[in-house]
Each structure stands twice: as C-alpha cells, then as structure tokens.
N, C-alpha and C. Protein backbone atom coordinates (compact mmCIF):
# COMPACT_ATOMS: atom_id res chain seq x y z
N MET A 1 -5.35 -2.15 -11.58
CA MET A 1 -4.16 -1.79 -10.83
C MET A 1 -2.93 -1.81 -11.74
N GLY A 2 -3.12 -1.79 -13.03
CA GLY A 2 -1.99 -1.85 -13.96
C GLY A 2 -1.02 -0.70 -13.82
N GLU A 3 -1.54 0.53 -13.88
CA GLU A 3 -0.67 1.70 -13.78
C GLU A 3 0.02 1.75 -12.42
N ILE A 4 -0.74 1.45 -11.39
CA ILE A 4 -0.20 1.48 -10.03
C ILE A 4 0.88 0.43 -9.87
N ALA A 5 0.64 -0.76 -10.40
CA ALA A 5 1.63 -1.84 -10.30
C ALA A 5 2.92 -1.45 -11.01
N ARG A 6 2.80 -0.84 -12.20
CA ARG A 6 4.00 -0.41 -12.92
C ARG A 6 4.80 0.61 -12.12
N ILE A 7 4.10 1.55 -11.50
CA ILE A 7 4.78 2.56 -10.68
C ILE A 7 5.47 1.91 -9.49
N ALA A 8 4.75 0.98 -8.85
CA ALA A 8 5.33 0.28 -7.69
C ALA A 8 6.56 -0.52 -8.10
N TRP A 9 6.48 -1.26 -9.22
CA TRP A 9 7.63 -2.04 -9.69
C TRP A 9 8.82 -1.12 -9.91
N ARG A 10 8.58 0.00 -10.59
CA ARG A 10 9.66 0.93 -10.90
C ARG A 10 10.30 1.48 -9.62
N ASP A 11 9.47 1.89 -8.67
CA ASP A 11 9.99 2.45 -7.43
C ASP A 11 10.78 1.43 -6.62
N LEU A 12 10.28 0.21 -6.57
CA LEU A 12 10.99 -0.84 -5.84
C LEU A 12 12.31 -1.18 -6.53
N ARG A 13 12.30 -1.19 -7.84
CA ARG A 13 13.53 -1.47 -8.58
C ARG A 13 14.57 -0.38 -8.34
N LEU A 14 14.12 0.88 -8.32
CA LEU A 14 15.04 1.99 -8.06
C LEU A 14 15.65 1.91 -6.67
N ARG A 15 14.92 1.32 -5.74
CA ARG A 15 15.41 1.17 -4.37
C ARG A 15 16.23 -0.11 -4.19
N ASN A 16 16.44 -0.83 -5.29
CA ASN A 16 17.29 -2.02 -5.31
C ASN A 16 16.74 -3.19 -4.49
N TYR A 17 15.42 -3.32 -4.47
CA TYR A 17 14.81 -4.49 -3.83
C TYR A 17 15.00 -5.69 -4.74
N SER A 18 15.01 -6.88 -4.17
CA SER A 18 15.13 -8.09 -4.98
C SER A 18 13.84 -8.31 -5.77
N ARG A 19 13.94 -9.07 -6.85
CA ARG A 19 12.76 -9.36 -7.68
C ARG A 19 11.68 -10.06 -6.87
N ARG A 20 12.09 -10.92 -5.99
CA ARG A 20 11.13 -11.66 -5.17
C ARG A 20 10.38 -10.72 -4.22
N THR A 21 11.10 -9.78 -3.64
CA THR A 21 10.47 -8.80 -2.75
C THR A 21 9.54 -7.89 -3.54
N GLU A 22 9.96 -7.47 -4.72
CA GLU A 22 9.11 -6.65 -5.58
C GLU A 22 7.79 -7.36 -5.85
N ARG A 23 7.87 -8.61 -6.23
CA ARG A 23 6.68 -9.40 -6.53
C ARG A 23 5.77 -9.50 -5.32
N ALA A 24 6.36 -9.74 -4.17
CA ALA A 24 5.56 -9.89 -2.94
C ALA A 24 4.84 -8.59 -2.60
N TYR A 25 5.54 -7.47 -2.72
CA TYR A 25 4.92 -6.18 -2.38
C TYR A 25 3.80 -5.82 -3.35
N VAL A 26 4.06 -5.97 -4.64
CA VAL A 26 3.09 -5.54 -5.64
C VAL A 26 1.85 -6.43 -5.63
N ARG A 27 2.03 -7.71 -5.39
CA ARG A 27 0.90 -8.65 -5.43
C ARG A 27 0.26 -8.88 -4.06
N SER A 28 0.68 -8.15 -3.07
CA SER A 28 0.20 -8.42 -1.71
C SER A 28 -1.28 -8.08 -1.52
N ALA A 29 -1.90 -8.77 -0.60
CA ALA A 29 -3.29 -8.50 -0.25
C ALA A 29 -3.43 -7.09 0.32
N ARG A 30 -2.39 -6.61 0.97
CA ARG A 30 -2.44 -5.26 1.54
C ARG A 30 -2.59 -4.21 0.45
N ALA A 31 -1.82 -4.36 -0.60
CA ALA A 31 -1.90 -3.41 -1.71
C ALA A 31 -3.28 -3.46 -2.36
N ARG A 32 -3.80 -4.66 -2.55
CA ARG A 32 -5.13 -4.80 -3.16
C ARG A 32 -6.21 -4.23 -2.25
N ALA A 33 -6.08 -4.43 -0.95
CA ALA A 33 -7.08 -3.90 0.00
C ALA A 33 -7.10 -2.38 -0.02
N PHE A 34 -5.93 -1.79 -0.09
CA PHE A 34 -5.83 -0.33 -0.10
C PHE A 34 -6.50 0.24 -1.35
N VAL A 35 -6.24 -0.35 -2.51
CA VAL A 35 -6.84 0.11 -3.76
C VAL A 35 -8.34 -0.14 -3.76
N ALA A 36 -8.77 -1.32 -3.31
CA ALA A 36 -10.18 -1.67 -3.30
C ALA A 36 -10.99 -0.77 -2.36
N PHE A 37 -10.41 -0.38 -1.25
CA PHE A 37 -11.12 0.46 -0.29
C PHE A 37 -11.53 1.78 -0.91
N HIS A 38 -10.64 2.41 -1.64
CA HIS A 38 -10.91 3.73 -2.19
C HIS A 38 -11.45 3.71 -3.61
N ARG A 39 -11.21 2.62 -4.32
CA ARG A 39 -11.65 2.48 -5.71
C ARG A 39 -11.13 3.60 -6.61
N LYS A 40 -9.93 4.06 -6.32
CA LYS A 40 -9.25 5.01 -7.20
C LYS A 40 -7.75 4.86 -6.98
N SER A 41 -6.99 5.48 -7.81
CA SER A 41 -5.54 5.35 -7.76
C SER A 41 -4.97 5.91 -6.47
N PRO A 42 -4.06 5.18 -5.81
CA PRO A 42 -3.43 5.69 -4.59
C PRO A 42 -2.66 6.99 -4.84
N ILE A 43 -2.28 7.21 -6.08
CA ILE A 43 -1.56 8.43 -6.42
C ILE A 43 -2.44 9.66 -6.15
N GLU A 44 -3.74 9.49 -6.30
CA GLU A 44 -4.69 10.60 -6.13
C GLU A 44 -5.09 10.81 -4.67
N LEU A 45 -4.70 9.91 -3.79
CA LEU A 45 -5.16 9.96 -2.41
C LEU A 45 -4.33 10.90 -1.55
N GLY A 46 -4.99 11.54 -0.61
CA GLY A 46 -4.30 12.42 0.31
C GLY A 46 -4.27 11.83 1.71
N GLU A 47 -3.80 12.61 2.66
CA GLU A 47 -3.68 12.16 4.04
C GLU A 47 -5.04 11.75 4.62
N LYS A 48 -6.08 12.51 4.31
CA LYS A 48 -7.42 12.20 4.82
C LYS A 48 -7.89 10.82 4.36
N ASP A 49 -7.61 10.50 3.10
CA ASP A 49 -8.00 9.19 2.55
C ASP A 49 -7.23 8.06 3.23
N ILE A 50 -5.95 8.28 3.46
CA ILE A 50 -5.12 7.26 4.11
C ILE A 50 -5.58 7.04 5.53
N ARG A 51 -5.89 8.12 6.25
CA ARG A 51 -6.39 7.99 7.62
C ARG A 51 -7.72 7.23 7.65
N ALA A 52 -8.59 7.49 6.68
CA ALA A 52 -9.87 6.78 6.60
C ALA A 52 -9.64 5.29 6.42
N PHE A 53 -8.70 4.92 5.57
CA PHE A 53 -8.38 3.51 5.34
C PHE A 53 -7.84 2.86 6.61
N LEU A 54 -6.91 3.52 7.28
CA LEU A 54 -6.32 2.96 8.50
C LEU A 54 -7.36 2.85 9.61
N THR A 55 -8.25 3.82 9.70
CA THR A 55 -9.34 3.76 10.69
C THR A 55 -10.25 2.58 10.39
N TRP A 56 -10.57 2.36 9.13
CA TRP A 56 -11.40 1.23 8.73
C TRP A 56 -10.74 -0.09 9.11
N LEU A 57 -9.42 -0.18 8.91
CA LEU A 57 -8.71 -1.40 9.28
C LEU A 57 -8.85 -1.71 10.76
N VAL A 58 -8.73 -0.67 11.58
CA VAL A 58 -8.78 -0.86 13.04
C VAL A 58 -10.21 -1.16 13.50
N THR A 59 -11.18 -0.40 13.00
CA THR A 59 -12.55 -0.54 13.51
C THR A 59 -13.32 -1.70 12.90
N GLU A 60 -13.20 -1.87 11.60
CA GLU A 60 -13.99 -2.90 10.92
C GLU A 60 -13.26 -4.23 10.79
N LYS A 61 -12.01 -4.18 10.45
CA LYS A 61 -11.24 -5.41 10.24
C LYS A 61 -10.53 -5.88 11.50
N ARG A 62 -10.49 -5.03 12.51
CA ARG A 62 -9.87 -5.37 13.79
C ARG A 62 -8.45 -5.92 13.61
N ILE A 63 -7.68 -5.19 12.83
CA ILE A 63 -6.31 -5.60 12.53
C ILE A 63 -5.42 -5.46 13.77
N SER A 64 -4.46 -6.32 13.89
CA SER A 64 -3.54 -6.29 15.04
C SER A 64 -2.58 -5.11 14.92
N PRO A 65 -1.97 -4.69 16.03
CA PRO A 65 -0.99 -3.60 15.97
C PRO A 65 0.17 -3.92 15.00
N ASN A 66 0.61 -5.17 14.98
CA ASN A 66 1.68 -5.55 14.07
C ASN A 66 1.22 -5.44 12.61
N GLY A 67 0.02 -5.87 12.34
CA GLY A 67 -0.53 -5.75 10.99
C GLY A 67 -0.66 -4.29 10.57
N MET A 68 -1.06 -3.45 11.51
CA MET A 68 -1.18 -2.02 11.22
C MET A 68 0.18 -1.42 10.87
N ARG A 69 1.21 -1.81 11.59
CA ARG A 69 2.56 -1.31 11.29
C ARG A 69 2.98 -1.70 9.88
N LYS A 70 2.60 -2.89 9.44
CA LYS A 70 2.94 -3.33 8.10
C LYS A 70 2.23 -2.48 7.05
N PHE A 71 0.96 -2.19 7.29
CA PHE A 71 0.23 -1.34 6.36
C PHE A 71 0.85 0.06 6.30
N VAL A 72 1.13 0.63 7.45
CA VAL A 72 1.70 1.98 7.50
C VAL A 72 3.06 1.99 6.81
N GLY A 73 3.87 0.98 7.04
CA GLY A 73 5.17 0.88 6.38
C GLY A 73 5.04 0.81 4.88
N GLY A 74 4.08 0.03 4.40
CA GLY A 74 3.86 -0.08 2.97
C GLY A 74 3.40 1.24 2.36
N ILE A 75 2.54 1.94 3.06
CA ILE A 75 2.07 3.24 2.56
C ILE A 75 3.24 4.22 2.53
N ARG A 76 4.05 4.21 3.56
CA ARG A 76 5.21 5.11 3.58
C ARG A 76 6.15 4.83 2.42
N ARG A 77 6.38 3.55 2.14
CA ARG A 77 7.28 3.20 1.04
C ARG A 77 6.74 3.72 -0.30
N THR A 78 5.43 3.66 -0.47
CA THR A 78 4.88 4.08 -1.76
C THR A 78 4.76 5.59 -1.86
N ARG A 79 4.77 6.29 -0.75
CA ARG A 79 4.57 7.74 -0.78
C ARG A 79 5.84 8.54 -0.58
N SER A 80 6.94 7.88 -0.25
CA SER A 80 8.18 8.62 -0.02
C SER A 80 8.99 8.68 -1.30
N PRO A 81 9.79 9.73 -1.47
CA PRO A 81 10.58 9.86 -2.71
C PRO A 81 11.70 8.85 -2.79
C-alpha cells in the first residue's frame, strides 16, 4: 500500500486536513479492507469494483448503516478531485 498511502497523504494534505486526521485515514482498517478485498490498487478500480466491495460489506460482514456511510464517505474522498 506504499504508492496508495503516498497518494492519500498528498490528497489529504492538499485538502488541509490535520496531520492526526491524515494518519487516521491512511492507517485505518477501512482503507486496508478496501485494498485487501480487491488485491490491486484502488486507482485501478471502477464503479463495478466499488459496488462489489460495498455489497460484500453488507452481505458478508453485516456492517451497520452508519459503518457503511463511513466507507462510502472514505471512498468519495479518495475518488473526488
């Protein structure tokens, strides 16, 4: 996750997040779960891949609606300009 982490750090820094928030986002279990699920760079993933991940969270991991919102928010942050 080296390249991905560097991109995430840069994007968070450009958005003026605090260092502590940057660290929390980049090192979060959510970020690791997303990368581990697909076993490839999130940069290469499309909408179909993201939907598959979110479906897996709901069906297999039985994530709560609040947890799902956090995942969706994190994905939006990493995919928006």
